[in-house]
């Protein structure tokens, strides 16, 4: 719930900066390695937006893949879990470079 409330705070802040009064659609990008459950965000969204400029808005969640850079083989590889082995060489020296983010990607506003 607190993550969803944080998104609503971002929407309110952007409304003050950009001068819109209503949010119709929110596109939220969530990395598969972020630890954020999209279903939980969807479940909480209606309650968190009630009485705000985003009440009744549609939430669109975009899942982004995990990606890492292997320090041993020097390749950029797909990651399906944090601290997983490199799918190319099998070693565990993979630095995550994408897939752990959560951000408001786009808004449709009035």
PDB file of N, CA and C in Angstrom:
ATOM      1  N   UNK A   1       0.829  -1.192   0.000  1.00  0.00           N
ATOM      2  CA  UNK A   1       0.000   0.000   0.000  1.00  0.00           C
ATOM      3  C   UNK A   1       0.877   1.261   0.000  1.00  0.00           C
ATOM      4  N   UNK A   2       1.975   1.225   0.758  1.00  0.00           N
ATOM      5  CA  UNK A   2       2.819   2.427   0.842  1.00  0.00           C
ATOM      6  C   UNK A   2       3.462   2.757  -0.505  1.00  0.00           C
ATOM      7  N   UNK A   3       3.798   1.755  -1.300  1.00  0.00           N
ATOM      8  CA  UNK A   3       4.337   2.033  -2.639  1.00  0.00           C
ATOM      9  C   UNK A   3       3.287   2.705  -3.520  1.00  0.00           C
ATOM     10  N   UNK A   4       2.076   2.231  -3.440  1.00  0.00           N
ATOM     11  CA  UNK A   4       0.992   2.826  -4.224  1.00  0.00           C
ATOM     12  C   UNK A   4       0.720   4.247  -3.763  1.00  0.00           C
ATOM     13  N   UNK A   5       0.751   4.477  -2.471  1.00  0.00           N
ATOM     14  CA  UNK A   5       0.581   5.836  -1.949  1.00  0.00           C
ATOM     15  C   UNK A   5       1.717   6.740  -2.419  1.00  0.00           C
ATOM     16  N   UNK A   6       2.920   6.199  -2.525  1.00  0.00           N
ATOM     17  CA  UNK A   6       4.052   6.959  -3.052  1.00  0.00           C
ATOM     18  C   UNK A   6       3.830   7.373  -4.501  1.00  0.00           C
ATOM     19  N   UNK A   7       3.236   6.495  -5.284  1.00  0.00           N
ATOM     20  CA  UNK A   7       2.909   6.830  -6.679  1.00  0.00           C
ATOM     21  C   UNK A   7       1.899   7.971  -6.711  1.00  0.00           C
ATOM     22  N   UNK A   8       0.901   7.922  -5.844  1.00  0.00           N
ATOM     23  CA  UNK A   8      -0.107   8.987  -5.787  1.00  0.00           C
ATOM     24  C   UNK A   8       0.546  10.317  -5.395  1.00  0.00           C
ATOM     25  N   UNK A   9       1.510  10.277  -4.492  1.00  0.00           N
ATOM     26  CA  UNK A   9       2.236  11.502  -4.120  1.00  0.00           C
ATOM     27  C   UNK A   9       2.998  12.068  -5.321  1.00  0.00           C
ATOM     28  N   UNK A  10       3.605  11.196  -6.105  1.00  0.00           N
ATOM     29  CA  UNK A  10       4.300  11.641  -7.316  1.00  0.00           C
ATOM     30  C   UNK A  10       3.322  12.295  -8.273  1.00  0.00           C
ATOM     31  N   UNK A  11       2.138  11.714  -8.435  1.00  0.00           N
ATOM     32  CA  UNK A  11       1.121  12.285  -9.325  1.00  0.00           C
ATOM     33  C   UNK A  11       0.699  13.669  -8.852  1.00  0.00           C
ATOM     34  N   UNK A  12       0.498  13.820  -7.552  1.00  0.00           N
ATOM     35  CA  UNK A  12       0.098  15.117  -6.997  1.00  0.00           C
ATOM     36  C   UNK A  12       1.190  16.163  -7.196  1.00  0.00           C
ATOM     37  N   UNK A  13       2.424  15.757  -6.982  1.00  0.00           N
ATOM     38  CA  UNK A  13       3.553  16.668  -7.159  1.00  0.00           C
ATOM     39  C   UNK A  13       3.672  17.113  -8.619  1.00  0.00           C
ATOM     40  N   UNK A  14       3.518  16.189  -9.531  1.00  0.00           N
ATOM     41  CA  UNK A  14       3.588  16.530 -10.958  1.00  0.00           C
ATOM     42  C   UNK A  14       2.422  17.418 -11.376  1.00  0.00           C
ATOM     43  N   UNK A  15       1.253  17.209 -10.775  1.00  0.00           N
ATOM     44  CA  UNK A  15       0.101  18.058 -11.073  1.00  0.00           C
ATOM     45  C   UNK A  15       0.384  19.500 -10.671  1.00  0.00           C
ATOM     46  N   UNK A  16       1.021  19.685  -9.522  1.00  0.00           N
ATOM     47  CA  UNK A  16       1.377  21.036  -9.088  1.00  0.00           C
ATOM     48  C   UNK A  16       2.399  21.665 -10.039  1.00  0.00           C
ATOM     49  N   UNK A  17       3.385  20.880 -10.456  1.00  0.00           N
ATOM     50  CA  UNK A  17       4.432  21.391 -11.343  1.00  0.00           C
ATOM     51  C   UNK A  17       3.911  21.701 -12.748  1.00  0.00           C
ATOM     52  N   UNK A  18       3.062  20.796 -13.277  1.00  0.00           N
ATOM     53  CA  UNK A  18       2.670  20.891 -14.676  1.00  0.00           C
ATOM     54  C   UNK A  18       1.270  21.458 -14.896  1.00  0.00           C
ATOM     55  N   UNK A  19       0.511  21.630 -13.837  1.00  0.00           N
ATOM     56  CA  UNK A  19      -0.780  22.295 -13.940  1.00  0.00           C
ATOM     57  C   UNK A  19      -1.923  21.460 -14.485  1.00  0.00           C
ATOM     58  N   UNK A  20      -1.923  20.165 -14.282  1.00  0.00           N
ATOM     59  CA  UNK A  20      -3.088  19.367 -14.681  1.00  0.00           C
ATOM     60  C   UNK A  20      -3.940  19.094 -13.448  1.00  0.00           C
ATOM     61  N   UNK A  21      -5.206  18.773 -13.687  1.00  0.00           N
ATOM     62  CA  UNK A  21      -6.130  18.621 -12.567  1.00  0.00           C
ATOM     63  C   UNK A  21      -6.664  17.201 -12.392  1.00  0.00           C
ATOM     64  N   UNK A  22      -6.443  16.352 -13.395  1.00  0.00           N
ATOM     65  CA  UNK A  22      -6.980  14.996 -13.310  1.00  0.00           C
ATOM     66  C   UNK A  22      -6.062  14.032 -14.045  1.00  0.00           C
ATOM     67  N   UNK A  23      -5.874  12.867 -13.455  1.00  0.00           N
ATOM     68  CA  UNK A  23      -5.097  11.801 -14.082  1.00  0.00           C
ATOM     69  C   UNK A  23      -6.077  10.756 -14.596  1.00  0.00           C
ATOM     70  N   UNK A  24      -5.953  10.434 -15.877  1.00  0.00           N
ATOM     71  CA  UNK A  24      -6.846   9.431 -16.477  1.00  0.00           C
ATOM     72  C   UNK A  24      -6.200   8.049 -16.546  1.00  0.00           C
ATOM     73  N   UNK A  25      -4.912   8.014 -16.878  1.00  0.00           N
ATOM     74  CA  UNK A  25      -4.189   6.745 -16.987  1.00  0.00           C
ATOM     75  C   UNK A  25      -2.767   6.927 -16.477  1.00  0.00           C
ATOM     76  N   UNK A  26      -2.296   5.924 -15.756  1.00  0.00           N
ATOM     77  CA  UNK A  26      -0.919   5.897 -15.258  1.00  0.00           C
ATOM     78  C   UNK A  26      -0.249   4.653 -15.824  1.00  0.00           C
ATOM     79  N   UNK A  27       0.883   4.854 -16.502  1.00  0.00           N
ATOM     80  CA  UNK A  27       1.691   3.729 -16.959  1.00  0.00           C
ATOM     81  C   UNK A  27       2.848   3.607 -15.975  1.00  0.00           C
ATOM     82  N   UNK A  28       2.893   2.486 -15.279  1.00  0.00           N
ATOM     83  CA  UNK A  28       3.889   2.246 -14.244  1.00  0.00           C
ATOM     84  C   UNK A  28       4.805   1.117 -14.708  1.00  0.00           C
ATOM     85  N   UNK A  29       6.088   1.414 -14.758  1.00  0.00           N
ATOM     86  CA  UNK A  29       7.078   0.429 -15.172  1.00  0.00           C
ATOM     87  C   UNK A  29       7.639  -0.249 -13.924  1.00  0.00           C
ATOM     88  N   UNK A  30       7.547  -1.579 -13.889  1.00  0.00           N
ATOM     89  CA  UNK A  30       8.027  -2.341 -12.733  1.00  0.00           C
ATOM     90  C   UNK A  30       8.955  -3.438 -13.233  1.00  0.00           C
ATOM     91  N   UNK A  31      10.185  -3.421 -12.767  1.00  0.00           N
ATOM     92  CA  UNK A  31      11.153  -4.448 -13.135  1.00  0.00           C
ATOM     93  C   UNK A  31      10.835  -5.772 -12.464  1.00  0.00           C
ATOM     94  N   UNK A  32      11.111  -6.861 -13.169  1.00  0.00           N
ATOM     95  CA  UNK A  32      10.794  -8.184 -12.615  1.00  0.00           C
ATOM     96  C   UNK A  32      11.668  -8.534 -11.410  1.00  0.00           C
ATOM     97  N   UNK A  33      12.767  -7.824 -11.233  1.00  0.00           N
ATOM     98  CA  UNK A  33      13.653  -8.080 -10.100  1.00  0.00           C
ATOM     99  C   UNK A  33      13.485  -7.051  -8.981  1.00  0.00           C
ATOM    100  N   UNK A  34      12.458  -6.228  -9.078  1.00  0.00           N
ATOM    101  CA  UNK A  34      12.261  -5.140  -8.112  1.00  0.00           C
ATOM    102  C   UNK A  34      11.691  -5.603  -6.780  1.00  0.00           C
ATOM    103  N   UNK A  35      11.082  -6.764  -6.752  1.00  0.00           N
ATOM    104  CA  UNK A  35      10.432  -7.224  -5.529  1.00  0.00           C
ATOM    105  C   UNK A  35       9.037  -6.653  -5.356  1.00  0.00           C
ATOM    106  N   UNK A  36       8.576  -5.904  -6.350  1.00  0.00           N
ATOM    107  CA  UNK A  36       7.237  -5.311  -6.299  1.00  0.00           C
ATOM    108  C   UNK A  36       6.263  -6.243  -7.031  1.00  0.00           C
ATOM    109  N   UNK A  37       5.181  -6.574  -6.375  1.00  0.00           N
ATOM    110  CA  UNK A  37       4.163  -7.436  -6.976  1.00  0.00           C
ATOM    111  C   UNK A  37       3.143  -6.567  -7.724  1.00  0.00           C
ATOM    112  N   UNK A  38       3.091  -6.672  -9.049  1.00  0.00           N
ATOM    113  CA  UNK A  38       2.134  -5.872  -9.817  1.00  0.00           C
ATOM    114  C   UNK A  38       0.689  -6.065  -9.366  1.00  0.00           C
ATOM    115  N   UNK A  39       0.341  -7.289  -8.991  1.00  0.00           N
ATOM    116  CA  UNK A  39      -1.031  -7.562  -8.555  1.00  0.00           C
ATOM    117  C   UNK A  39      -1.363  -6.784  -7.285  1.00  0.00           C
ATOM    118  N   UNK A  40      -0.390  -6.647  -6.401  1.00  0.00           N
ATOM    119  CA  UNK A  40      -0.606  -5.881  -5.165  1.00  0.00           C
ATOM    120  C   UNK A  40      -0.785  -4.401  -5.493  1.00  0.00           C
ATOM    121  N   UNK A  41       0.000  -3.881  -6.443  1.00  0.00           N
ATOM    122  CA  UNK A  41      -0.145  -2.477  -6.856  1.00  0.00           C
ATOM    123  C   UNK A  41      -1.540  -2.248  -7.440  1.00  0.00           C
ATOM    124  N   UNK A  42      -1.983  -3.163  -8.286  1.00  0.00           N
ATOM    125  CA  UNK A  42      -3.321  -3.037  -8.886  1.00  0.00           C
ATOM    126  C   UNK A  42      -4.405  -3.091  -7.820  1.00  0.00           C
ATOM    127  N   UNK A  43      -4.247  -3.989  -6.856  1.00  0.00           N
ATOM    128  CA  UNK A  43      -5.227  -4.154  -5.790  1.00  0.00           C
ATOM    129  C   UNK A  43      -5.351  -2.887  -4.946  1.00  0.00           C
ATOM    130  N   UNK A  44      -4.225  -2.253  -4.656  1.00  0.00           N
ATOM    131  CA  UNK A  44      -4.205  -1.068  -3.785  1.00  0.00           C
ATOM    132  C   UNK A  44      -4.520   0.238  -4.518  1.00  0.00           C
ATOM    133  N   UNK A  45      -4.411   0.246  -5.835  1.00  0.00           N
ATOM    134  CA  UNK A  45      -4.509   1.492  -6.592  1.00  0.00           C
ATOM    135  C   UNK A  45      -5.840   2.216  -6.382  1.00  0.00           C
ATOM    136  N   UNK A  46      -6.951   1.506  -6.461  1.00  0.00           N
ATOM    137  CA  UNK A  46      -8.257   2.157  -6.280  1.00  0.00           C
ATOM    138  C   UNK A  46      -8.389   2.788  -4.906  1.00  0.00           C
ATOM    139  N   UNK A  47      -7.960   2.070  -3.871  1.00  0.00           N
ATOM    140  CA  UNK A  47      -8.060   2.608  -2.510  1.00  0.00           C
ATOM    141  C   UNK A  47      -7.131   3.803  -2.313  1.00  0.00           C
ATOM    142  N   UNK A  48      -5.921   3.721  -2.850  1.00  0.00           N
ATOM    143  CA  UNK A  48      -4.942   4.802  -2.657  1.00  0.00           C
ATOM    144  C   UNK A  48      -5.307   6.060  -3.436  1.00  0.00           C
ATOM    145  N   UNK A  49      -6.036   5.915  -4.529  1.00  0.00           N
ATOM    146  CA  UNK A  49      -6.390   7.090  -5.346  1.00  0.00           C
ATOM    147  C   UNK A  49      -7.742   7.689  -4.974  1.00  0.00           C
ATOM    148  N   UNK A  50      -8.494   7.026  -4.121  1.00  0.00           N
ATOM    149  CA  UNK A  50      -9.814   7.525  -3.727  1.00  0.00           C
ATOM    150  C   UNK A  50      -9.686   8.911  -3.103  1.00  0.00           C
ATOM    151  N   UNK A  51     -10.433   9.876  -3.639  1.00  0.00           N
ATOM    152  CA  UNK A  51     -10.412  11.238  -3.127  1.00  0.00           C
ATOM    153  C   UNK A  51      -9.248  12.076  -3.630  1.00  0.00           C
ATOM    154  N   UNK A  52      -8.504  11.579  -4.619  1.00  0.00           N
ATOM    155  CA  UNK A  52      -7.361  12.310  -5.167  1.00  0.00           C
ATOM    156  C   UNK A  52      -7.612  12.656  -6.637  1.00  0.00           C
ATOM    157  N   UNK A  53      -6.675  13.359  -7.238  1.00  0.00           N
ATOM    158  CA  UNK A  53      -6.802  13.716  -8.651  1.00  0.00           C
ATOM    159  C   UNK A  53      -6.710  12.494  -9.562  1.00  0.00           C
ATOM    160  N   UNK A  54      -6.359  11.334  -9.012  1.00  0.00           N
ATOM    161  CA  UNK A  54      -6.264  10.106  -9.804  1.00  0.00           C
ATOM    162  C   UNK A  54      -7.417   9.143  -9.546  1.00  0.00           C
ATOM    163  N   UNK A  55      -8.426   9.599  -8.815  1.00  0.00           N
ATOM    164  CA  UNK A  55      -9.564   8.719  -8.559  1.00  0.00           C
ATOM    165  C   UNK A  55     -10.204   8.313  -9.882  1.00  0.00           C
ATOM    166  N   UNK A  56     -10.414   7.019 -10.049  1.00  0.00           N
ATOM    167  CA  UNK A  56     -11.010   6.498 -11.278  1.00  0.00           C
ATOM    168  C   UNK A  56     -10.011   6.300 -12.411  1.00  0.00           C
ATOM    169  N   UNK A  57      -8.753   6.622 -12.182  1.00  0.00           N
ATOM    170  CA  UNK A  57      -7.734   6.465 -13.226  1.00  0.00           C
ATOM    171  C   UNK A  57      -7.472   4.988 -13.486  1.00  0.00           C
ATOM    172  N   UNK A  58      -6.996   4.719 -14.677  1.00  0.00           N
ATOM    173  CA  UNK A  58      -6.638   3.367 -15.080  1.00  0.00           C
ATOM    174  C   UNK A  58      -5.145   3.177 -14.822  1.00  0.00           C
ATOM    175  N   UNK A  59      -4.768   2.032 -14.268  1.00  0.00           N
ATOM    176  CA  UNK A  59      -3.369   1.713 -14.017  1.00  0.00           C
ATOM    177  C   UNK A  59      -2.914   0.672 -15.032  1.00  0.00           C
ATOM    178  N   UNK A  60      -1.890   1.015 -15.789  1.00  0.00           N
ATOM    179  CA  UNK A  60      -1.294   0.098 -16.764  1.00  0.00           C
ATOM    180  C   UNK A  60       0.109  -0.236 -16.265  1.00  0.00           C
ATOM    181  N   UNK A  61       0.368  -1.512 -16.060  1.00  0.00           N
ATOM    182  CA  UNK A  61       1.681  -1.927 -15.564  1.00  0.00           C
ATOM    183  C   UNK A  61       2.478  -2.555 -16.699  1.00  0.00           C
ATOM    184  N   UNK A  62       3.696  -2.056 -16.839  1.00  0.00           N
ATOM    185  CA  UNK A  62       4.625  -2.556 -17.850  1.00  0.00           C
ATOM    186  C   UNK A  62       5.742  -3.280 -17.109  1.00  0.00           C
ATOM    187  N   UNK A  63       5.893  -4.567 -17.354  1.00  0.00           N
ATOM    188  CA  UNK A  63       6.959  -5.351 -16.711  1.00  0.00           C
ATOM    189  C   UNK A  63       8.232  -5.224 -17.540  1.00  0.00           C
ATOM    190  N   UNK A  64       9.339  -4.891 -16.890  1.00  0.00           N
ATOM    191  CA  UNK A  64      10.613  -4.782 -17.597  1.00  0.00           C
ATOM    192  C   UNK A  64      11.505  -5.955 -17.198  1.00  0.00           C
ATOM    193  N   UNK A  65      12.257  -6.484 -18.157  1.00  0.00           N
ATOM    194  CA  UNK A  65      13.075  -7.662 -17.884  1.00  0.00           C
ATOM    195  C   UNK A  65      14.312  -7.326 -17.058  1.00  0.00           C
ATOM    196  N   UNK A  66      14.856  -8.363 -16.434  1.00  0.00           N
ATOM    197  CA  UNK A  66      16.104  -8.217 -15.704  1.00  0.00           C
ATOM    198  C   UNK A  66      17.281  -8.366 -16.650  1.00  0.00           C
ATOM    199  N   UNK A  67      18.308  -7.617 -16.375  1.00  0.00           N
ATOM    200  CA  UNK A  67      19.501  -7.675 -17.210  1.00  0.00           C
ATOM    201  C   UNK A  67      20.722  -7.467 -16.328  1.00  0.00           C
ATOM    202  N   UNK A  68      21.790  -8.174 -16.640  1.00  0.00           N
ATOM    203  CA  UNK A  68      23.013  -8.045 -15.871  1.00  0.00           C
ATOM    204  C   UNK A  68      24.235  -8.082 -16.773  1.00  0.00           C
ATOM    205  N   UNK A  69      25.349  -7.713 -16.177  1.00  0.00           N
ATOM    206  CA  UNK A  69      26.628  -7.754 -16.882  1.00  0.00           C
ATOM    207  C   UNK A  69      27.518  -8.705 -16.111  1.00  0.00           C
ATOM    208  N   UNK A  70      27.997  -9.740 -16.799  1.00  0.00           N
ATOM    209  CA  UNK A  70      28.829 -10.752 -16.161  1.00  0.00           C
ATOM    210  C   UNK A  70      30.275 -10.258 -16.099  1.00  0.00           C
ATOM    211  N   UNK A  71      30.810 -10.218 -14.896  1.00  0.00           N
ATOM    212  CA  UNK A  71      32.181  -9.773 -14.695  1.00  0.00           C
ATOM    213  C   UNK A  71      33.193 -10.805 -15.188  1.00  0.00           C
ATOM    214  N   UNK A  72      32.777 -12.055 -15.303  1.00  0.00           N
ATOM    215  CA  UNK A  72      33.700 -13.117 -15.725  1.00  0.00           C
ATOM    216  C   UNK A  72      33.778 -13.249 -17.242  1.00  0.00           C
ATOM    217  N   UNK A  73      32.629 -13.321 -17.914  1.00  0.00           N
ATOM    218  CA  UNK A  73      32.672 -13.509 -19.369  1.00  0.00           C
ATOM    219  C   UNK A  73      32.488 -12.208 -20.137  1.00  0.00           C
ATOM    220  N   UNK A  74      32.143 -11.113 -19.420  1.00  0.00           N
ATOM    221  CA  UNK A  74      32.043  -9.805 -20.050  1.00  0.00           C
ATOM    222  C   UNK A  74      30.827  -9.613 -20.936  1.00  0.00           C
ATOM    223  N   UNK A  75      29.801 -10.419 -20.727  1.00  0.00           N
ATOM    224  CA  UNK A  75      28.604 -10.325 -21.572  1.00  0.00           C
ATOM    225  C   UNK A  75      27.430  -9.717 -20.810  1.00  0.00           C
ATOM    226  N   UNK A  76      26.573  -9.036 -21.557  1.00  0.00           N
ATOM    227  CA  UNK A  76      25.310  -8.571 -21.012  1.00  0.00           C
ATOM    228  C   UNK A  76      24.323  -9.724 -21.175  1.00  0.00           C
ATOM    229  N   UNK A  77      23.672 -10.108 -20.073  1.00  0.00           N
ATOM    230  CA  UNK A  77      22.825 -11.300 -20.074  1.00  0.00           C
ATOM    231  C   UNK A  77      21.465 -11.004 -19.446  1.00  0.00           C
ATOM    232  N   UNK A  78      20.496 -11.820 -19.798  1.00  0.00           N
ATOM    233  CA  UNK A  78      19.163 -11.729 -19.198  1.00  0.00           C
ATOM    234  C   UNK A  78      19.218 -12.358 -17.809  1.00  0.00           C
ATOM    235  N   UNK A  79      18.566 -11.711 -16.851  1.00  0.00           N
ATOM    236  CA  UNK A  79      18.484 -12.237 -15.487  1.00  0.00           C
ATOM    237  C   UNK A  79      17.039 -12.516 -15.138  1.00  0.00           C
ATOM    238  N   UNK A  80      16.800 -13.661 -14.521  1.00  0.00           N
ATOM    239  CA  UNK A  80      15.442 -13.979 -14.079  1.00  0.00           C
ATOM    240  C   UNK A  80      15.332 -13.987 -12.556  1.00  0.00           C
ATOM    241  N   UNK A  81      16.499 -13.855 -11.881  1.00  0.00           N
ATOM    242  CA  UNK A  81      16.506 -13.776 -10.421  1.00  0.00           C
ATOM    243  C   UNK A  81      17.720 -12.979  -9.969  1.00  0.00           C
ATOM    244  N   UNK A  82      17.560 -12.318  -8.827  1.00  0.00           N
ATOM    245  CA  UNK A  82      18.696 -11.596  -8.237  1.00  0.00           C
ATOM    246  C   UNK A  82      19.751 -12.609  -7.806  1.00  0.00           C
ATOM    247  N   UNK A  83      20.984 -12.242  -7.971  1.00  0.00           N
ATOM    248  CA  UNK A  83      22.113 -13.060  -7.530  1.00  0.00           C
ATOM    249  C   UNK A  83      22.168 -14.419  -8.218  1.00  0.00           C
ATOM    250  N   UNK A  84      21.554 -14.508  -9.393  1.00  0.00           N
ATOM    251  CA  UNK A  84      21.593 -15.758 -10.143  1.00  0.00           C
ATOM    252  C   UNK A  84      22.898 -15.907 -10.904  1.00  0.00           C
ATOM    253  N   UNK A  85      23.101 -17.105 -11.425  1.00  0.00           N
ATOM    254  CA  UNK A  85      24.299 -17.390 -12.212  1.00  0.00           C
ATOM    255  C   UNK A  85      24.154 -16.804 -13.612  1.00  0.00           C
ATOM    256  N   UNK A  86      25.290 -16.527 -14.222  1.00  0.00           N
ATOM    257  CA  UNK A  86      25.317 -16.069 -15.604  1.00  0.00           C
ATOM    258  C   UNK A  86      24.847 -17.220 -16.496  1.00  0.00           C
ATOM    259  N   UNK A  87      23.857 -16.980 -17.356  1.00  0.00           N
ATOM    260  CA  UNK A  87      23.385 -18.057 -18.231  1.00  0.00           C
ATOM    261  C   UNK A  87      24.405 -18.449 -19.305  1.00  0.00           C
ATOM    262  N   UNK A  88      25.426 -17.632 -19.491  1.00  0.00           N
ATOM    263  CA  UNK A  88      26.450 -17.925 -20.500  1.00  0.00           C
ATOM    264  C   UNK A  88      27.579 -18.791 -19.933  1.00  0.00           C
ATOM    265  N   UNK A  89      28.141 -18.384 -18.774  1.00  0.00           N
ATOM    266  CA  UNK A  89      29.309 -19.093 -18.244  1.00  0.00           C
ATOM    267  C   UNK A  89      29.021 -19.871 -16.963  1.00  0.00           C
ATOM    268  N   UNK A  90      27.869 -19.621 -16.319  1.00  0.00           N
ATOM    269  CA  UNK A  90      27.491 -20.350 -15.116  1.00  0.00           C
ATOM    270  C   UNK A  90      28.067 -19.813 -13.817  1.00  0.00           C
ATOM    271  N   UNK A  91      28.876 -18.761 -13.894  1.00  0.00           N
ATOM    272  CA  UNK A  91      29.459 -18.196 -12.677  1.00  0.00           C
ATOM    273  C   UNK A  91      28.529 -17.143 -12.071  1.00  0.00           C
ATOM    274  N   UNK A  92      28.798 -16.764 -10.845  1.00  0.00           N
ATOM    275  CA  UNK A  92      27.878 -15.904 -10.089  1.00  0.00           C
ATOM    276  C   UNK A  92      28.371 -14.466  -9.916  1.00  0.00           C
ATOM    277  N   UNK A  93      29.197 -13.999 -10.794  1.00  0.00           N
ATOM    278  CA  UNK A  93      29.698 -12.625 -10.705  1.00  0.00           C
ATOM    279  C   UNK A  93      28.949 -11.734 -11.688  1.00  0.00           C
ATOM    280  N   UNK A  94      27.655 -11.623 -11.477  1.00  0.00           N
ATOM    281  CA  UNK A  94      26.797 -10.856 -12.390  1.00  0.00           C
ATOM    282  C   UNK A  94      26.319  -9.600 -11.667  1.00  0.00           C
ATOM    283  N   UNK A  95      26.577  -8.478 -12.284  1.00  0.00           N
ATOM    284  CA  UNK A  95      26.127  -7.192 -11.737  1.00  0.00           C
ATOM    285  C   UNK A  95      24.820  -6.815 -12.428  1.00  0.00           C
ATOM    286  N   UNK A  96      23.766  -6.624 -11.635  1.00  0.00           N
ATOM    287  CA  UNK A  96      22.468  -6.265 -12.194  1.00  0.00           C
ATOM    288  C   UNK A  96      22.530  -4.846 -12.766  1.00  0.00           C
ATOM    289  N   UNK A  97      22.022  -4.677 -13.987  1.00  0.00           N
ATOM    290  CA  UNK A  97      22.012  -3.352 -14.605  1.00  0.00           C
ATOM    291  C   UNK A  97      20.596  -2.881 -14.947  1.00  0.00           C
ATOM    292  N   UNK A  98      19.619  -3.771 -14.917  1.00  0.00           N
ATOM    293  CA  UNK A  98      18.229  -3.384 -15.202  1.00  0.00           C
ATOM    294  C   UNK A  98      17.291  -4.438 -14.628  1.00  0.00           C
ATOM    295  N   UNK A  99      16.067  -4.000 -14.361  1.00  0.00           N
ATOM    296  CA  UNK A  99      15.041  -4.919 -13.896  1.00  0.00           C
ATOM    297  C   UNK A  99      14.669  -4.752 -12.440  1.00  0.00           C
ATOM    298  N   UNK A 100      15.339  -3.830 -11.727  1.00  0.00           N
ATOM    299  CA  UNK A 100      15.002  -3.619 -10.318  1.00  0.00           C
ATOM    300  C   UNK A 100      14.321  -2.281 -10.082  1.00  0.00           C
ATOM    301  N   UNK A 101      13.901  -1.623 -11.158  1.00  0.00           N
ATOM    302  CA  UNK A 101      13.316  -0.295 -11.041  1.00  0.00           C
ATOM    303  C   UNK A 101      11.787  -0.325 -10.940  1.00  0.00           C
ATOM    304  N   UNK A 102      11.269   0.758 -10.421  1.00  0.00           N
ATOM    305  CA  UNK A 102       9.837   1.034 -10.465  1.00  0.00           C
ATOM    306  C   UNK A 102       9.713   2.526 -10.711  1.00  0.00           C
ATOM    307  N   UNK A 103       9.018   2.898 -11.781  1.00  0.00           N
ATOM    308  CA  UNK A 103       8.897   4.314 -12.088  1.00  0.00           C
ATOM    309  C   UNK A 103       7.606   4.597 -12.838  1.00  0.00           C
ATOM    310  N   UNK A 104       7.132   5.815 -12.677  1.00  0.00           N
ATOM    311  CA  UNK A 104       5.996   6.282 -13.471  1.00  0.00           C
ATOM    312  C   UNK A 104       6.557   6.624 -14.839  1.00  0.00           C
ATOM    313  N   UNK A 105       6.133   5.869 -15.833  1.00  0.00           N
ATOM    314  CA  UNK A 105       6.676   6.055 -17.184  1.00  0.00           C
ATOM    315  C   UNK A 105       5.930   7.131 -17.957  1.00  0.00           C
ATOM    316  N   UNK A 106       4.601   7.124 -17.818  1.00  0.00           N
ATOM    317  CA  UNK A 106       3.791   8.043 -18.610  1.00  0.00           C
ATOM    318  C   UNK A 106       2.463   8.299 -17.915  1.00  0.00           C
ATOM    319  N   UNK A 107       1.883   9.454 -18.191  1.00  0.00           N
ATOM    320  CA  UNK A 107       0.578   9.812 -17.650  1.00  0.00           C
ATOM    321  C   UNK A 107      -0.316  10.342 -18.760  1.00  0.00           C
ATOM    322  N   UNK A 108      -1.589  10.024 -18.672  1.00  0.00           N
ATOM    323  CA  UNK A 108      -2.605  10.679 -19.493  1.00  0.00           C
ATOM    324  C   UNK A 108      -3.390  11.549 -18.526  1.00  0.00           C
ATOM    325  N   UNK A 109      -3.416  12.855 -18.810  1.00  0.00           N
ATOM    326  CA  UNK A 109      -4.000  13.807 -17.852  1.00  0.00           C
ATOM    327  C   UNK A 109      -4.951  14.769 -18.562  1.00  0.00           C
ATOM    328  N   UNK A 110      -5.699  15.477 -17.751  1.00  0.00           N
ATOM    329  CA  UNK A 110      -6.575  16.562 -18.238  1.00  0.00           C
ATOM    330  C   UNK A 110      -6.198  17.835 -17.531  1.00  0.00           C
TER     331      UNK A 110
END
